[in-house]
PDB file of N, CA and C in Angstrom:
ATOM      1  N   MET A   1      90.804 127.029 157.724  1.00  0.00           N
ATOM      2  CA  MET A   1      91.991 127.722 157.031  1.00  0.00           C
ATOM      3  C   MET A   1      92.586 126.670 157.037  1.00  0.00           C
ATOM      4  N   LYS A   2      93.508 126.660 155.797  1.00  0.00           N
ATOM      5  CA  LYS A   2      94.277 125.714 155.226  1.00  0.00           C
ATOM      6  C   LYS A   2      95.626 125.936 155.606  1.00  0.00           C
ATOM      7  N   ILE A   3      96.586 125.470 156.605  1.00  0.00           N
ATOM      8  CA  ILE A   3      97.895 126.056 156.640  1.00  0.00           C
ATOM      9  C   ILE A   3      98.969 125.261 156.118  1.00  0.00           C
ATOM     10  N   LEU A   4     100.339 125.629 155.402  1.00  0.00           N
ATOM     11  CA  LEU A   4     101.218 124.805 155.164  1.00  0.00           C
ATOM     12  C   LEU A   4     102.218 125.061 155.952  1.00  0.00           C
ATOM     13  N   PHE A   5     103.244 124.266 156.349  1.00  0.00           N
ATOM     14  CA  PHE A   5     103.949 124.547 157.621  1.00  0.00           C
ATOM     15  C   PHE A   5     105.262 124.567 156.528  1.00  0.00           C
ATOM     16  N   ILE A   6     106.305 125.311 156.536  1.00  0.00           N
ATOM     17  CA  ILE A   6     107.496 124.950 155.863  1.00  0.00           C
ATOM     18  C   ILE A   6     108.846 125.064 157.019  1.00  0.00           C
ATOM     19  N   GLY A   7     109.670 124.031 156.942  1.00  0.00           N
ATOM     20  CA  GLY A   7     111.079 124.047 157.981  1.00  0.00           C
ATOM     21  C   GLY A   7     111.793 123.285 157.711  1.00  0.00           C
ATOM     22  N   MET A   8     112.943 122.956 158.606  1.00  0.00           N
ATOM     23  CA  MET A   8     113.838 122.139 158.349  1.00  0.00           C
ATOM     24  C   MET A   8     113.530 121.276 159.492  1.00  0.00           C
ATOM     25  N   SER A   9     114.639 120.186 159.427  1.00  0.00           N
ATOM     26  CA  SER A   9     114.355 118.934 160.403  1.00  0.00           C
ATOM     27  C   SER A   9     115.337 119.601 161.459  1.00  0.00           C
ATOM     28  N   SER A  10     114.140 120.418 162.598  1.00  0.00           N
ATOM     29  CA  SER A  10     114.982 120.821 163.730  1.00  0.00           C
ATOM     30  C   SER A  10     114.593 120.896 164.973  1.00  0.00           C
ATOM     31  N   ASP A  11     114.922 120.935 166.230  1.00  0.00           N
ATOM     32  CA  ASP A  11     113.999 121.128 167.384  1.00  0.00           C
ATOM     33  C   ASP A  11     113.385 122.711 167.130  1.00  0.00           C
ATOM     34  N   PHE A  12     113.662 123.882 166.609  1.00  0.00           N
ATOM     35  CA  PHE A  12     113.348 124.954 165.927  1.00  0.00           C
ATOM     36  C   PHE A  12     112.051 124.854 165.531  1.00  0.00           C
ATOM     37  N   SER A  13     112.021 123.882 164.265  1.00  0.00           N
ATOM     38  CA  SER A  13     110.865 123.994 163.768  1.00  0.00           C
ATOM     39  C   SER A  13     109.826 123.116 164.398  1.00  0.00           C
ATOM     40  N   LEU A  14     110.246 122.009 164.531  1.00  0.00           N
ATOM     41  CA  LEU A  14     109.218 121.162 165.604  1.00  0.00           C
ATOM     42  C   LEU A  14     108.399 121.671 166.415  1.00  0.00           C
ATOM     43  N   SER A  15     108.970 122.349 167.723  1.00  0.00           N
ATOM     44  CA  SER A  15     108.090 123.394 168.519  1.00  0.00           C
ATOM     45  C   SER A  15     107.648 124.348 168.109  1.00  0.00           C
ATOM     46  N   HIS A  16     107.993 125.008 166.923  1.00  0.00           N
ATOM     47  CA  HIS A  16     107.143 126.349 166.177  1.00  0.00           C
ATOM     48  C   HIS A  16     105.569 125.222 165.640  1.00  0.00           C
ATOM     49  N   LEU A  17     105.825 124.117 165.246  1.00  0.00           N
ATOM     50  CA  LEU A  17     104.869 123.130 164.449  1.00  0.00           C
ATOM     51  C   LEU A  17     104.020 122.644 165.266  1.00  0.00           C
ATOM     52  N   LYS A  18     104.806 122.159 166.846  1.00  0.00           N
ATOM     53  CA  LYS A  18     103.539 121.568 167.294  1.00  0.00           C
ATOM     54  C   LYS A  18     102.682 122.609 168.027  1.00  0.00           C
ATOM     55  N   ALA A  19     103.049 124.059 168.511  1.00  0.00           N
ATOM     56  CA  ALA A  19     102.453 124.987 168.834  1.00  0.00           C
ATOM     57  C   ALA A  19     101.454 125.579 168.063  1.00  0.00           C
ATOM     58  N   LEU A  20     101.768 125.153 166.619  1.00  0.00           N
ATOM     59  CA  LEU A  20     100.394 125.698 165.618  1.00  0.00           C
ATOM     60  C   LEU A  20      99.554 124.999 165.277  1.00  0.00           C
ATOM     61  N   TYR A  21     100.394 123.441 165.937  1.00  0.00           N
ATOM     62  CA  TYR A  21      99.270 122.125 165.465  1.00  0.00           C
ATOM     63  C   TYR A  21      98.391 122.185 166.750  1.00  0.00           C
ATOM     64  N   GLU A  22      98.628 122.697 168.259  1.00  0.00           N
ATOM     65  CA  GLU A  22      97.629 122.740 168.620  1.00  0.00           C
ATOM     66  C   GLU A  22      96.317 123.523 168.774  1.00  0.00           C
ATOM     67  N   ALA A  23      96.874 124.829 167.828  1.00  0.00           N
ATOM     68  CA  ALA A  23      95.901 125.633 167.790  1.00  0.00           C
ATOM     69  C   ALA A  23      94.632 125.604 166.051  1.00  0.00           C
ATOM     70  N   TYR A  24      95.798 124.810 165.005  1.00  0.00           N
ATOM     71  CA  TYR A  24      94.939 124.974 163.819  1.00  0.00           C
ATOM     72  C   TYR A  24      95.205 123.529 163.251  1.00  0.00           C
ATOM     73  N   PRO A  25      94.400 123.333 162.116  1.00  0.00           N
ATOM     74  CA  PRO A  25      94.822 121.852 161.627  1.00  0.00           C
ATOM     75  C   PRO A  25      96.199 121.984 160.481  1.00  0.00           C
ATOM     76  N   ILE A  26      96.849 121.692 160.406  1.00  0.00           N
ATOM     77  CA  ILE A  26      97.708 121.890 159.658  1.00  0.00           C
ATOM     78  C   ILE A  26      97.608 121.091 158.003  1.00  0.00           C
ATOM     79  N   SER A  27      97.919 121.760 156.747  1.00  0.00           N
ATOM     80  CA  SER A  27      97.320 120.728 155.785  1.00  0.00           C
ATOM     81  C   SER A  27      98.287 119.895 155.272  1.00  0.00           C
ATOM     82  N   ALA A  28      99.561 120.501 155.055  1.00  0.00           N
ATOM     83  CA  ALA A  28     100.875 119.934 154.907  1.00  0.00           C
ATOM     84  C   ALA A  28     102.170 120.378 155.215  1.00  0.00           C
ATOM     85  N   ILE A  29     103.315 119.656 155.423  1.00  0.00           N
ATOM     86  CA  ILE A  29     104.561 120.267 155.671  1.00  0.00           C
ATOM     87  C   ILE A  29     105.260 119.835 154.793  1.00  0.00           C
ATOM     88  N   VAL A  30     106.419 120.965 154.001  1.00  0.00           N
ATOM     89  CA  VAL A  30     107.127 120.838 153.251  1.00  0.00           C
ATOM     90  C   VAL A  30     108.259 121.139 154.010  1.00  0.00           C
ATOM     91  N   GLU A  31     109.442 120.121 154.005  1.00  0.00           N
ATOM     92  CA  GLU A  31     110.707 120.221 154.585  1.00  0.00           C
ATOM     93  C   GLU A  31     111.798 120.601 153.488  1.00  0.00           C
ATOM     94  N   ALA A  32     112.450 121.422 154.344  1.00  0.00           N
ATOM     95  CA  ALA A  32     113.606 121.760 153.020  1.00  0.00           C
ATOM     96  C   ALA A  32     115.012 121.546 153.248  1.00  0.00           C
ATOM     97  N   THR A  33     116.011 121.172 152.943  1.00  0.00           N
ATOM     98  CA  THR A  33     117.087 120.187 152.654  1.00  0.00           C
ATOM     99  C   THR A  33     117.826 121.544 153.057  1.00  0.00           C
ATOM    100  N   PRO A  34     119.187 121.238 153.859  1.00  0.00           N
ATOM    101  CA  PRO A  34     119.706 122.751 153.494  1.00  0.00           C
ATOM    102  C   PRO A  34     120.518 122.960 152.280  1.00  0.00           C
ATOM    103  N   ARG A  35     120.967 124.185 152.035  1.00  0.00           N
ATOM    104  CA  ARG A  35     121.118 124.437 150.815  1.00  0.00           C
ATOM    105  C   ARG A  35     122.467 123.278 149.968  1.00  0.00           C
ATOM    106  N   ASN A  36     123.111 123.099 150.907  1.00  0.00           N
ATOM    107  CA  ASN A  36     124.822 122.495 149.871  1.00  0.00           C
ATOM    108  C   ASN A  36     124.091 121.075 149.749  1.00  0.00           C
ATOM    109  N   GLN A  37     122.932 120.653 150.294  1.00  0.00           N
ATOM    110  CA  GLN A  37     122.959 119.267 150.332  1.00  0.00           C
ATOM    111  C   GLN A  37     121.659 118.750 148.846  1.00  0.00           C
ATOM    112  N   LYS A  38     121.955 117.688 148.483  1.00  0.00           N
ATOM    113  CA  LYS A  38     120.842 117.500 147.137  1.00  0.00           C
ATOM    114  C   LYS A  38     119.674 116.510 148.195  1.00  0.00           C
ATOM    115  N   VAL A  39     118.393 116.456 147.289  1.00  0.00           N
ATOM    116  CA  VAL A  39     117.582 115.469 147.879  1.00  0.00           C
ATOM    117  C   VAL A  39     118.283 114.327 147.469  1.00  0.00           C
ATOM    118  N   SER A  40     118.732 113.797 146.426  1.00  0.00           N
ATOM    119  CA  SER A  40     119.002 111.984 146.220  1.00  0.00           C
ATOM    120  C   SER A  40     119.998 111.877 147.103  1.00  0.00           C
ATOM    121  N   HIS A  41     120.994 112.524 147.674  1.00  0.00           N
ATOM    122  CA  HIS A  41     121.968 112.050 148.515  1.00  0.00           C
ATOM    123  C   HIS A  41     121.664 112.536 150.031  1.00  0.00           C
ATOM    124  N   SER A  42     120.541 112.346 150.373  1.00  0.00           N
ATOM    125  CA  SER A  42     120.239 112.538 152.064  1.00  0.00           C
ATOM    126  C   SER A  42     118.589 112.053 152.373  1.00  0.00           C
ATOM    127  N   LYS A  43     118.422 111.715 151.062  1.00  0.00           N
ATOM    128  CA  LYS A  43     116.997 111.425 150.842  1.00  0.00           C
ATOM    129  C   LYS A  43     116.610 110.501 152.168  1.00  0.00           C
ATOM    130  N   LYS A  44     117.517 109.162 152.109  1.00  0.00           N
ATOM    131  CA  LYS A  44     117.277 108.436 153.431  1.00  0.00           C
ATOM    132  C   LYS A  44     117.309 108.867 154.642  1.00  0.00           C
ATOM    133  N   PHE A  45     118.627 109.601 154.827  1.00  0.00           N
ATOM    134  CA  PHE A  45     118.369 110.260 156.183  1.00  0.00           C
ATOM    135  C   PHE A  45     117.709 111.278 156.419  1.00  0.00           C
ATOM    136  N   TRP A  46     117.076 111.696 155.334  1.00  0.00           N
ATOM    137  CA  TRP A  46     115.650 113.022 155.416  1.00  0.00           C
ATOM    138  C   TRP A  46     114.490 112.385 156.342  1.00  0.00           C
ATOM    139  N   GLN A  47     114.138 111.141 155.684  1.00  0.00           N
ATOM    140  CA  GLN A  47     112.881 110.673 155.440  1.00  0.00           C
ATOM    141  C   GLN A  47     113.275 109.722 156.505  1.00  0.00           C
ATOM    142  N   LYS A  48     113.983 109.225 157.043  1.00  0.00           N
ATOM    143  CA  LYS A  48     113.886 108.302 158.277  1.00  0.00           C
ATOM    144  C   LYS A  48     114.257 109.034 159.431  1.00  0.00           C
ATOM    145  N   GLY A  49     114.943 109.998 159.422  1.00  0.00           N
ATOM    146  CA  GLY A  49     115.762 110.712 160.442  1.00  0.00           C
ATOM    147  C   GLY A  49     115.066 112.133 161.103  1.00  0.00           C
ATOM    148  N   SER A  50     114.260 112.344 159.674  1.00  0.00           N
ATOM    149  CA  SER A  50     113.375 114.165 160.122  1.00  0.00           C
ATOM    150  C   SER A  50     112.476 113.538 160.956  1.00  0.00           C
ATOM    151  N   VAL A  51     112.576 115.067 162.000  1.00  0.00           N
ATOM    152  CA  VAL A  51     111.602 114.957 163.111  1.00  0.00           C
ATOM    153  C   VAL A  51     110.375 115.767 162.517  1.00  0.00           C
ATOM    154  N   LEU A  52     110.765 116.298 161.238  1.00  0.00           N
ATOM    155  CA  LEU A  52     108.916 116.919 160.643  1.00  0.00           C
ATOM    156  C   LEU A  52     108.379 116.064 160.008  1.00  0.00           C
ATOM    157  N   LYS A  53     108.791 114.885 159.061  1.00  0.00           N
ATOM    158  CA  LYS A  53     108.833 113.484 158.435  1.00  0.00           C
ATOM    159  C   LYS A  53     107.848 112.617 159.789  1.00  0.00           C
ATOM    160  N   SER A  54     108.538 112.999 161.035  1.00  0.00           N
ATOM    161  CA  SER A  54     107.930 111.729 161.953  1.00  0.00           C
ATOM    162  C   SER A  54     106.870 112.439 162.560  1.00  0.00           C
ATOM    163  N   PHE A  55     106.610 113.744 162.502  1.00  0.00           N
ATOM    164  CA  PHE A  55     105.558 114.198 162.937  1.00  0.00           C
ATOM    165  C   PHE A  55     104.158 113.837 162.136  1.00  0.00           C
ATOM    166  N   ALA A  56     104.448 114.690 160.751  1.00  0.00           N
ATOM    167  CA  ALA A  56     103.700 114.201 159.758  1.00  0.00           C
ATOM    168  C   ALA A  56     103.141 112.783 159.989  1.00  0.00           C
ATOM    169  N   ASP A  57     103.981 111.778 159.925  1.00  0.00           N
ATOM    170  CA  ASP A  57     103.444 110.574 159.677  1.00  0.00           C
ATOM    171  C   ASP A  57     102.717 110.059 161.093  1.00  0.00           C
ATOM    172  N   GLN A  58     102.713 110.622 162.563  1.00  0.00           N
ATOM    173  CA  GLN A  58     102.172 110.544 163.348  1.00  0.00           C
ATOM    174  C   GLN A  58     100.489 111.079 163.375  1.00  0.00           C
ATOM    175  N   HIS A  59     100.762 112.329 163.029  1.00  0.00           N
ATOM    176  CA  HIS A  59      99.479 112.922 162.551  1.00  0.00           C
ATOM    177  C   HIS A  59      98.590 112.689 161.228  1.00  0.00           C
ATOM    178  N   GLN A  60      99.576 112.009 160.693  1.00  0.00           N
ATOM    179  CA  GLN A  60      98.559 112.181 159.183  1.00  0.00           C
ATOM    180  C   GLN A  60      98.695 113.220 158.315  1.00  0.00           C
ATOM    181  N   ILE A  61      99.483 113.828 158.551  1.00  0.00           N
ATOM    182  CA  ILE A  61      99.551 115.144 157.597  1.00  0.00           C
ATOM    183  C   ILE A  61     100.571 114.929 156.058  1.00  0.00           C
ATOM    184  N   ALA A  62      99.866 115.593 155.132  1.00  0.00           N
ATOM    185  CA  ALA A  62     101.040 115.437 154.176  1.00  0.00           C
ATOM    186  C   ALA A  62     101.826 115.907 154.106  1.00  0.00           C
ATOM    187  N   TYR A  63     103.143 115.363 153.662  1.00  0.00           N
ATOM    188  CA  TYR A  63     104.623 115.895 154.005  1.00  0.00           C
ATOM    189  C   TYR A  63     105.668 116.016 152.161  1.00  0.00           C
ATOM    190  N   CYS A  64     105.926 117.047 152.101  1.00  0.00           N
ATOM    191  CA  CYS A  64     106.825 116.940 150.842  1.00  0.00           C
ATOM    192  C   CYS A  64     108.511 116.951 151.267  1.00  0.00           C
ATOM    193  N   LEU A  65     109.141 116.699 150.844  1.00  0.00           N
ATOM    194  CA  LEU A  65     110.895 117.032 150.839  1.00  0.00           C
ATOM    195  C   LEU A  65     110.873 117.746 149.928  1.00  0.00           C
ATOM    196  N   ALA A  66     111.552 119.230 150.148  1.00  0.00           N
ATOM    197  CA  ALA A  66     111.640 120.051 148.968  1.00  0.00           C
ATOM    198  C   ALA A  66     113.291 120.226 148.585  1.00  0.00           C
ATOM    199  N   GLU A  67     114.074 119.704 147.747  1.00  0.00           N
ATOM    200  CA  GLU A  67     115.328 120.360 147.420  1.00  0.00           C
ATOM    201  C   GLU A  67     115.560 121.671 147.394  1.00  0.00           C
ATOM    202  N   LYS A  68     114.921 122.229 146.214  1.00  0.00           N
ATOM    203  CA  LYS A  68     114.783 123.982 146.316  1.00  0.00           C
ATOM    204  C   LYS A  68     113.171 124.361 146.274  1.00  0.00           C
ATOM    205  N   LEU A  69     113.228 124.915 147.143  1.00  0.00           N
ATOM    206  CA  LEU A  69     111.902 125.792 147.653  1.00  0.00           C
ATOM    207  C   LEU A  69     110.920 126.837 145.933  1.00  0.00           C
ATOM    208  N   SER A  70     112.330 127.389 145.330  1.00  0.00           N
ATOM    209  CA  SER A  70     111.854 128.273 144.277  1.00  0.00           C
ATOM    210  C   SER A  70     111.738 127.321 142.999  1.00  0.00           C
ATOM    211  N   SER A  71     111.923 126.146 143.173  1.00  0.00           N
ATOM    212  CA  SER A  71     111.749 125.136 141.895  1.00  0.00           C
ATOM    213  C   SER A  71     110.096 125.367 141.306  1.00  0.00           C
ATOM    214  N   PRO A  72     109.886 125.024 140.368  1.00  0.00           N
ATOM    215  CA  PRO A  72     108.192 124.585 139.838  1.00  0.00           C
ATOM    216  C   PRO A  72     107.529 124.059 140.114  1.00  0.00           C
ATOM    217  N   GLU A  73     108.129 122.909 140.497  1.00  0.00           N
ATOM    218  CA  GLU A  73     107.648 121.625 141.075  1.00  0.00           C
ATOM    219  C   GLU A  73     106.888 122.014 142.906  1.00  0.00           C
ATOM    220  N   MET A  74     107.811 122.938 143.262  1.00  0.00           N
ATOM    221  CA  MET A  74     107.574 122.875 144.540  1.00  0.00           C
ATOM    222  C   MET A  74     106.160 124.247 144.556  1.00  0.00           C
ATOM    223  N   GLU A  75     106.488 124.958 143.558  1.00  0.00           N
ATOM    224  CA  GLU A  75     105.302 125.845 143.253  1.00  0.00           C
ATOM    225  C   GLU A  75     104.035 125.479 143.058  1.00  0.00           C
ATOM    226  N   ALA A  76     103.823 124.468 142.199  1.00  0.00           N
ATOM    227  CA  ALA A  76     103.057 123.373 141.861  1.00  0.00           C
ATOM    228  C   ALA A  76     102.441 122.561 142.662  1.00  0.00           C
ATOM    229  N   TYR A  77     103.183 121.971 143.743  1.00  0.00           N
ATOM    230  CA  TYR A  77     102.949 121.271 145.002  1.00  0.00           C
ATOM    231  C   TYR A  77     102.277 122.634 145.781  1.00  0.00           C
ATOM    232  N   ILE A  78     102.659 123.561 146.002  1.00  0.00           N
ATOM    233  CA  ILE A  78     102.350 124.819 147.146  1.00  0.00           C
ATOM    234  C   ILE A  78     100.852 125.216 146.519  1.00  0.00           C
ATOM    235  N   ARG A  79     100.639 125.198 145.097  1.00  0.00           N
ATOM    236  CA  ARG A  79      99.390 125.802 144.685  1.00  0.00           C
ATOM    237  C   ARG A  79      98.343 124.863 144.845  1.00  0.00           C
ATOM    238  N   ALA A  80      98.395 123.566 144.605  1.00  0.00           N
ATOM    239  CA  ALA A  80      97.982 122.100 145.104  1.00  0.00           C
ATOM    240  C   ALA A  80      97.381 122.417 146.213  1.00  0.00           C
ATOM    241  N   VAL A  81      98.134 122.572 147.512  1.00  0.00           N
ATOM    242  CA  VAL A  81      97.892 122.205 148.358  1.00  0.00           C
ATOM    243  C   VAL A  81      96.815 123.336 148.564  1.00  0.00           C
ATOM    244  N   ALA A  82      96.632 124.268 147.920  1.00  0.00           N
ATOM    245  CA  ALA A  82      95.704 125.507 148.254  1.00  0.00           C
ATOM    246  C   ALA A  82      95.801 125.891 149.233  1.00  0.00           C
ATOM    247  N   CYS A  83      96.625 126.387 150.248  1.00  0.00           N
ATOM    248  CA  CYS A  83      96.722 126.816 151.422  1.00  0.00           C
ATOM    249  C   CYS A  83      96.399 127.976 151.770  1.00  0.00           C
ATOM    250  N   ASP A  84      95.361 128.847 152.880  1.00  0.00           N
ATOM    251  CA  ASP A  84      95.323 130.057 152.749  1.00  0.00           C
ATOM    252  C   ASP A  84      96.552 130.922 153.818  1.00  0.00           C
ATOM    253  N   LEU A  85      97.023 130.111 154.119  1.00  0.00           N
ATOM    254  CA  LEU A  85      98.355 130.737 155.352  1.00  0.00           C
ATOM    255  C   LEU A  85      99.899 129.191 154.760  1.00  0.00           C
ATOM    256  N   ILE A  86     100.872 130.420 155.102  1.00  0.00           N
ATOM    257  CA  ILE A  86     101.818 129.607 154.820  1.00  0.00           C
ATOM    258  C   ILE A  86     102.617 130.401 155.866  1.00  0.00           C
ATOM    259  N   CYS A  87     103.262 129.034 156.899  1.00  0.00           N
ATOM    260  CA  CYS A  87     104.568 129.585 158.334  1.00  0.00           C
ATOM    261  C   CYS A  87     105.510 128.860 157.748  1.00  0.00           C
ATOM    262  N   VAL A  88     106.467 129.535 158.227  1.00  0.00           N
ATOM    263  CA  VAL A  88     107.793 129.280 157.797  1.00  0.00           C
ATOM    264  C   VAL A  88     108.509 129.471 159.131  1.00  0.00           C
ATOM    265  N   ALA A  89     109.374 128.176 159.424  1.00  0.00           N
ATOM    266  CA  ALA A  89     109.846 128.404 160.897  1.00  0.00           C
ATOM    267  C   ALA A  89     111.155 127.286 160.616  1.00  0.00           C
TER     268      ALA A  89
END
């Protein structure tokens, strides 16, 4: 089963990701930025300080930083992952 995890850089999301990872393989992680923040302005912080990015790097899981989850680019990315399940936390 291919699982896509979507969350924000927070302890809440990370705890759910870890619990899910212990039981199932995670195919990809998509990190959503806060609604009032653009990726271009926060990309350095999110990629260096993100707990989800760190987890993805440690476990060699595909990672994507999303400015807007409803964008055509994100829809294409999610389709490309070809997941069976999407978990949002």
